[in-house]
N, C-alpha and C. Protein backbone atom coordinates (compact mmCIF):
# COMPACT_ATOMS: atom_id res chain seq x y z
N MET A 1 -10.59 35.05 22.98
CA MET A 1 -9.56 34.24 23.01
C MET A 1 -8.39 35.67 23.21
N ASN A 2 -7.89 34.56 24.64
CA ASN A 2 -6.67 35.85 24.50
C ASN A 2 -5.72 35.32 23.13
N MET A 3 -4.57 36.50 22.87
CA MET A 3 -3.45 36.51 22.14
C MET A 3 -2.79 35.29 22.05
N SER A 4 -2.43 34.55 23.09
CA SER A 4 -1.48 34.04 23.23
C SER A 4 -1.69 32.45 22.91
N GLU A 5 -3.19 32.49 23.29
CA GLU A 5 -3.72 30.66 22.72
C GLU A 5 -3.82 30.92 21.51
N LYS A 6 -3.91 29.43 21.23
CA LYS A 6 -3.65 29.26 19.49
C LYS A 6 -4.91 28.38 19.15
N PRO A 7 -5.58 28.65 18.50
CA PRO A 7 -7.38 28.07 18.14
C PRO A 7 -6.00 26.25 18.07
N PRO A 8 -7.05 25.14 18.65
CA PRO A 8 -7.19 23.47 18.42
C PRO A 8 -6.54 23.56 17.11
N PRO A 9 -5.96 23.00 16.31
CA PRO A 9 -5.06 22.64 14.79
C PRO A 9 -6.30 21.79 14.23
N PRO A 10 -6.80 21.82 13.08
CA PRO A 10 -7.87 20.66 12.55
C PRO A 10 -7.95 19.96 12.52
N ASN A 11 -9.07 19.11 13.16
CA ASN A 11 -8.82 17.65 12.89
C ASN A 11 -8.69 17.02 11.90
N TRP A 12 -7.32 16.87 11.62
CA TRP A 12 -6.98 16.38 9.80
C TRP A 12 -7.65 14.46 9.80
N ILE A 13 -7.59 13.65 10.69
CA ILE A 13 -8.74 12.67 10.56
C ILE A 13 -9.84 11.88 10.11
N ILE A 14 -10.70 13.44 10.59
CA ILE A 14 -12.09 13.36 10.04
C ILE A 14 -12.25 14.69 8.56
N GLN A 15 -11.01 15.28 8.22
CA GLN A 15 -10.98 15.82 7.13
C GLN A 15 -10.57 14.72 6.06
N HIS A 16 -10.20 13.62 6.28
CA HIS A 16 -10.07 12.96 5.47
C HIS A 16 -10.84 12.02 5.11
N ARG A 17 -11.53 12.50 6.14
CA ARG A 17 -12.61 10.54 6.76
C ARG A 17 -13.60 11.51 5.85
N THR A 18 -13.65 12.65 5.97
CA THR A 18 -15.27 13.42 5.12
C THR A 18 -14.76 13.23 3.85
N VAL A 19 -13.52 13.49 3.17
CA VAL A 19 -13.58 13.40 2.09
C VAL A 19 -13.47 12.56 1.01
N SER A 20 -12.25 11.44 1.40
CA SER A 20 -11.45 10.32 1.42
C SER A 20 -12.76 8.66 1.07
N TYR A 21 -13.03 8.87 2.42
CA TYR A 21 -14.47 7.85 2.87
C TYR A 21 -15.87 8.18 1.56
N GLN A 22 -16.27 9.27 2.01
CA GLN A 22 -17.03 9.53 0.71
C GLN A 22 -17.24 8.97 -0.43
N GLN A 23 -15.98 9.71 -0.71
CA GLN A 23 -15.38 9.54 -2.24
C GLN A 23 -15.12 7.62 -2.50
N MET A 24 -14.88 7.23 -1.65
CA MET A 24 -14.85 5.27 -1.90
C MET A 24 -15.61 5.54 -1.83
N LYS A 25 -16.70 5.48 -0.74
CA LYS A 25 -18.58 5.12 -0.86
C LYS A 25 -18.97 4.79 -1.92
N SER A 26 -19.12 6.28 -2.66
CA SER A 26 -19.64 6.50 -3.95
C SER A 26 -19.65 6.06 -5.05
N LEU A 27 -18.21 5.40 -5.05
CA LEU A 27 -17.67 4.35 -5.93
C LEU A 27 -18.91 2.95 -6.33
N GLU A 28 -19.71 2.76 -4.62
CA GLU A 28 -20.57 2.04 -5.09
C GLU A 28 -19.98 0.70 -4.83
N VAL A 29 -19.17 -0.07 -4.34
CA VAL A 29 -18.68 -1.18 -3.58
C VAL A 29 -19.82 -2.10 -3.03
N GLU A 30 -19.51 -3.32 -3.48
CA GLU A 30 -21.43 -3.84 -2.95
C GLU A 30 -20.32 -3.92 -1.21
N ASP A 31 -19.12 -4.87 -1.13
CA ASP A 31 -18.64 -5.37 0.35
C ASP A 31 -17.95 -3.63 0.98
N SER A 32 -19.21 -3.89 2.05
CA SER A 32 -18.15 -1.83 3.11
C SER A 32 -17.36 -2.65 3.95
N ALA A 33 -16.48 -3.65 4.15
CA ALA A 33 -15.49 -3.99 4.61
C ALA A 33 -14.22 -3.99 3.86
N GLN A 34 -14.46 -3.85 3.04
CA GLN A 34 -12.98 -3.83 1.87
C GLN A 34 -13.41 -2.22 1.39
N VAL A 35 -13.96 -1.08 1.66
CA VAL A 35 -14.08 0.10 1.56
C VAL A 35 -13.72 0.34 2.42
N HIS A 36 -13.91 0.33 3.91
CA HIS A 36 -13.34 0.09 5.79
C HIS A 36 -11.84 0.58 4.94
N VAL A 37 -11.18 -1.02 4.51
CA VAL A 37 -9.93 -1.37 4.29
C VAL A 37 -9.10 -0.69 3.46
N ALA A 38 -9.80 -0.22 2.46
CA ALA A 38 -9.47 0.54 1.84
C ALA A 38 -9.06 1.78 2.25
N PHE A 39 -9.92 2.47 2.57
CA PHE A 39 -9.63 3.88 3.49
C PHE A 39 -8.40 3.70 4.65
N LEU A 40 -8.80 2.73 5.30
CA LEU A 40 -7.06 2.51 5.94
C LEU A 40 -5.64 2.69 5.57
N VAL A 41 -5.88 2.13 4.53
CA VAL A 41 -4.50 2.02 4.20
C VAL A 41 -4.88 3.39 3.00
N TYR A 42 -5.23 3.48 2.71
CA TYR A 42 -5.43 4.86 1.92
C TYR A 42 -4.60 5.93 3.26
N MET A 43 -4.89 6.09 4.52
CA MET A 43 -4.52 7.12 5.92
C MET A 43 -3.70 6.75 5.73
N ASP A 44 -2.82 5.24 5.95
CA ASP A 44 -1.19 4.12 5.82
C ASP A 44 -0.66 5.00 4.97
N LEU A 45 -1.08 5.36 3.52
CA LEU A 45 0.15 5.34 2.26
C LEU A 45 -0.32 7.26 2.41
N THR A 46 -1.29 8.05 2.83
CA THR A 46 -0.91 9.39 2.79
C THR A 46 -0.27 10.67 4.42
N GLU A 47 -1.12 9.44 4.94
CA GLU A 47 -0.35 10.09 6.69
C GLU A 47 1.13 9.87 7.32
N VAL A 48 1.36 8.12 7.05
CA VAL A 48 2.56 7.35 8.03
C VAL A 48 4.24 7.45 6.78
N ARG A 49 3.06 6.83 5.99
CA ARG A 49 4.53 6.83 4.24
C ARG A 49 4.73 7.68 3.70
N GLN A 50 3.66 8.61 3.88
CA GLN A 50 4.06 10.28 2.67
C GLN A 50 3.54 9.95 1.32
N TRP A 51 3.09 9.54 0.72
CA TRP A 51 2.98 8.86 -0.53
C TRP A 51 2.28 9.79 -1.32
N LYS A 52 2.58 10.12 -2.71
CA LYS A 52 2.17 11.69 -3.55
C LYS A 52 1.31 10.81 -4.61
N GLU A 53 0.23 12.00 -4.34
CA GLU A 53 -0.71 11.89 -5.10
C GLU A 53 -1.63 10.62 -5.26
N VAL A 54 -2.52 9.94 -4.33
CA VAL A 54 -2.91 8.99 -3.71
C VAL A 54 -4.38 9.45 -4.50
N SER A 55 -4.57 7.74 -5.12
CA SER A 55 -6.03 8.10 -5.91
C SER A 55 -7.16 6.75 -5.37
N CYS A 56 -8.53 6.63 -5.07
CA CYS A 56 -8.63 5.60 -5.28
C CYS A 56 -10.14 5.43 -6.88
N VAL A 57 -9.61 4.34 -7.17
CA VAL A 57 -10.64 3.56 -8.84
C VAL A 57 -11.71 2.39 -8.32
N LYS A 58 -12.54 2.05 -8.70
CA LYS A 58 -13.59 0.78 -8.10
C LYS A 58 -12.84 0.39 -9.72
N SER A 59 -12.59 -1.29 -9.29
CA SER A 59 -12.20 -2.09 -9.77
C SER A 59 -13.60 -2.90 -10.28
N PRO A 60 -14.30 -3.01 -11.37
CA PRO A 60 -15.35 -3.57 -12.16
C PRO A 60 -15.22 -4.69 -12.16
N GLU A 61 -13.97 -5.34 -12.42
CA GLU A 61 -14.09 -6.80 -12.42
C GLU A 61 -14.28 -7.49 -11.28
N LEU A 62 -13.88 -7.47 -10.23
CA LEU A 62 -13.90 -7.44 -9.06
C LEU A 62 -14.62 -6.63 -8.28
N GLN A 63 -15.39 -5.42 -8.83
CA GLN A 63 -16.32 -5.06 -7.14
C GLN A 63 -15.44 -4.57 -5.72
N VAL A 64 -14.16 -3.88 -6.66
CA VAL A 64 -13.43 -3.79 -4.99
C VAL A 64 -12.67 -2.19 -5.58
N ILE A 65 -11.88 -1.57 -4.28
CA ILE A 65 -11.41 -0.37 -4.78
C ILE A 65 -10.09 -0.38 -5.06
N LEU A 66 -10.16 -0.09 -5.65
CA LEU A 66 -8.21 -0.06 -5.74
C LEU A 66 -7.39 1.28 -5.46
N LEU A 67 -6.15 1.44 -5.25
CA LEU A 67 -5.39 2.80 -4.07
C LEU A 67 -4.15 2.96 -5.13
N GLU A 68 -4.70 4.22 -6.20
CA GLU A 68 -3.18 4.95 -7.32
C GLU A 68 -2.42 5.41 -6.19
N GLY A 69 -0.21 5.57 -6.36
CA GLY A 69 -0.08 6.71 -5.88
C GLY A 69 0.71 6.39 -6.02
N ARG A 70 2.19 7.52 -5.82
CA ARG A 70 3.23 7.46 -5.89
C ARG A 70 4.47 7.06 -4.37
N GLU A 71 4.95 6.91 -4.44
CA GLU A 71 5.41 6.24 -3.53
C GLU A 71 6.50 7.57 -2.72
N LYS A 72 7.07 8.26 -4.16
CA LYS A 72 7.61 9.56 -3.86
C LYS A 72 7.60 10.74 -4.92
N GLU A 73 7.75 11.55 -4.93
CA GLU A 73 7.54 12.76 -6.03
C GLU A 73 8.55 12.21 -7.00
N GLY A 74 7.50 12.28 -8.40
CA GLY A 74 8.84 11.93 -9.64
C GLY A 74 8.90 9.45 -9.38
N ALA A 75 8.27 9.29 -8.94
CA ALA A 75 8.25 7.83 -9.08
C ALA A 75 6.91 7.61 -9.50
N PRO A 76 7.45 5.71 -10.27
CA PRO A 76 6.47 5.56 -10.83
C PRO A 76 4.70 5.49 -9.78
N VAL A 77 3.57 5.40 -10.77
CA VAL A 77 2.17 5.08 -9.83
C VAL A 77 2.31 4.04 -9.69
N GLN A 78 1.88 3.35 -8.87
CA GLN A 78 1.96 2.23 -8.26
C GLN A 78 0.23 2.06 -8.00
N THR A 79 -0.36 0.28 -8.01
CA THR A 79 -1.57 -0.11 -7.78
C THR A 79 -1.23 -0.69 -6.86
N ILE A 80 -2.28 -0.95 -5.41
CA ILE A 80 -2.40 -1.54 -4.48
C ILE A 80 -4.14 -1.16 -4.81
N LEU A 81 -4.14 -3.07 -4.48
CA LEU A 81 -5.10 -3.83 -4.10
C LEU A 81 -5.84 -3.89 -2.24
N PRO A 82 -5.66 -2.93 -1.86
CA PRO A 82 -6.30 -3.71 -0.20
C PRO A 82 -8.03 -4.68 -0.40
N LEU A 83 -7.07 -5.39 0.80
CA LEU A 83 -8.43 -6.27 1.45
C LEU A 83 -8.71 -6.29 2.34
N PRO A 84 -9.27 -7.08 2.77
CA PRO A 84 -10.17 -7.99 4.50
C PRO A 84 -9.40 -9.10 4.38
N ALA A 85 -8.97 -9.82 5.56
CA ALA A 85 -8.89 -10.84 6.00
C ALA A 85 -9.36 -11.37 4.96
N HIS A 86 -11.21 -11.57 5.54
CA HIS A 86 -11.72 -13.07 5.18
C HIS A 86 -12.44 -12.84 3.46
N GLN A 87 -11.99 -11.49 2.48
CA GLN A 87 -12.74 -11.69 1.33
C GLN A 87 -11.30 -12.68 0.75
N SER A 88 -12.26 -13.69 -0.60
CA SER A 88 -11.53 -14.96 -1.13
C SER A 88 -11.29 -13.63 -2.61
N LEU A 89 -9.90 -14.54 -2.79
CA LEU A 89 -9.72 -13.91 -3.90
C LEU A 89 -8.75 -15.20 -4.68
N SER A 90 -9.77 -15.17 -6.31
CA SER A 90 -8.76 -16.70 -7.36
C SER A 90 -7.80 -15.94 -7.38
N HIS A 91 -6.96 -17.15 -8.23
CA HIS A 91 -5.82 -16.35 -9.08
C HIS A 91 -6.64 -15.86 -10.05
N LYS A 92 -7.39 -16.55 -10.66
CA LYS A 92 -8.08 -16.41 -12.62
C LYS A 92 -8.91 -14.63 -12.19
N SER A 93 -9.25 -14.27 -11.07
CA SER A 93 -9.60 -13.07 -10.51
C SER A 93 -8.68 -12.19 -10.72
N PHE A 94 -7.27 -12.59 -9.84
CA PHE A 94 -6.68 -11.92 -8.95
C PHE A 94 -5.80 -11.37 -10.69
N LEU A 95 -5.58 -12.08 -11.56
CA LEU A 95 -4.85 -11.79 -12.99
C LEU A 95 -6.10 -10.90 -13.79
N LEU A 96 -6.74 -11.69 -13.50
CA LEU A 96 -8.36 -11.12 -14.47
C LEU A 96 -7.86 -9.06 -14.66
N SER A 97 -7.85 -8.94 -12.90
CA SER A 97 -7.47 -7.43 -12.13
C SER A 97 -6.21 -6.94 -12.89
N ALA A 98 -5.29 -7.69 -12.31
CA ALA A 98 -3.99 -7.35 -12.59
C ALA A 98 -3.64 -7.38 -14.35
N VAL A 99 -4.30 -7.59 -14.94
CA VAL A 99 -4.38 -6.74 -16.47
C VAL A 99 -5.21 -6.22 -16.75
N GLN A 100 -6.37 -6.49 -16.58
CA GLN A 100 -7.50 -5.02 -17.22
C GLN A 100 -7.27 -4.12 -16.47
N HIS A 101 -6.83 -3.72 -15.89
CA HIS A 101 -6.31 -2.35 -14.68
C HIS A 101 -5.37 -1.72 -15.16
N THR A 102 -5.53 -0.54 -15.82
CA THR A 102 -4.44 0.09 -16.02
C THR A 102 -4.61 1.44 -15.63
N SER A 103 -3.46 2.27 -15.40
CA SER A 103 -3.95 3.60 -15.10
C SER A 103 -3.85 3.93 -16.20
N GLY A 104 -4.06 5.81 -16.40
CA GLY A 104 -3.39 6.76 -17.66
C GLY A 104 -1.68 6.13 -17.70
N ALA A 105 -1.11 5.69 -16.59
CA ALA A 105 -0.17 5.47 -17.32
C ALA A 105 0.51 4.49 -17.78
N GLY A 106 -0.28 2.99 -17.32
CA GLY A 106 -0.44 2.10 -18.39
C GLY A 106 0.35 1.15 -16.80
N GLN A 107 0.58 1.54 -15.67
CA GLN A 107 0.74 0.75 -14.71
C GLN A 107 0.06 -0.39 -14.32
N ARG A 108 0.54 -1.00 -14.04
CA ARG A 108 -0.62 -3.11 -13.25
C ARG A 108 -0.90 -2.89 -12.14
N LEU A 109 -1.36 -3.45 -11.59
CA LEU A 109 -1.72 -3.25 -10.10
C LEU A 109 -0.13 -3.94 -9.39
N SER A 110 0.30 -3.55 -8.30
CA SER A 110 1.29 -3.73 -8.34
C SER A 110 1.49 -4.59 -6.76
N HIS A 111 0.42 -4.02 -6.06
CA HIS A 111 0.26 -4.94 -4.85
C HIS A 111 -0.92 -5.00 -4.28
N VAL A 112 -0.40 -6.26 -3.10
CA VAL A 112 -1.49 -6.78 -2.59
C VAL A 112 -1.73 -6.27 -0.97
N VAL A 113 -2.76 -6.03 -0.37
CA VAL A 113 -2.70 -6.02 1.23
C VAL A 113 -4.28 -5.99 1.53
N VAL A 114 -3.68 -7.25 2.68
CA VAL A 114 -4.41 -7.61 3.46
C VAL A 114 -4.57 -7.35 5.02
N CYS A 115 -5.54 -6.61 5.39
CA CYS A 115 -6.20 -6.01 6.55
C CYS A 115 -6.65 -7.26 7.81
N SER A 116 -6.06 -7.84 8.16
CA SER A 116 -6.56 -8.94 9.63
C SER A 116 -7.39 -7.90 10.29
N SER A 117 -7.84 -7.22 10.79
CA SER A 117 -8.41 -6.26 11.88
C SER A 117 -8.52 -4.24 11.25
N PHE A 118 -10.04 -4.80 11.78
CA PHE A 118 -10.06 -3.26 11.59
C PHE A 118 -11.53 -2.82 12.58
C-alpha cells in the first residue's frame, strides 16, 4: 500500500449491527419485526441524534425491546418503546408496561415510536 493511501474507514453499520442487533436478538423477543424496528430506532438515536448511553432491555410484560438512553450528557434517562406499525397495543398493556418498567434511575416509559416501513 502506498503511504499516501489511507485504509478504508471501518464499516460502522456492520459494527453496530453485529453488536447491537445480536444483543437485541439475544433478548429472545418473539416478534422479529419489533426487533428490527428497535434496531432502526437504536441506529437513529445513536448515529443521527447522537444520544448517549443507549441500551436495550426486554419488557417481559409486552415481550418487546425497550431502548433507554440520554438525549445529551447529564440529561435524564428516557425509555423508548419502538413498535412496527402492524403491532397492536392496548391501553391496558401500554399502561401496565409504563408502570412496571423502570430503569435503575426510576425513569418510566416516556416515548413510543411507531415505524411504518423497514
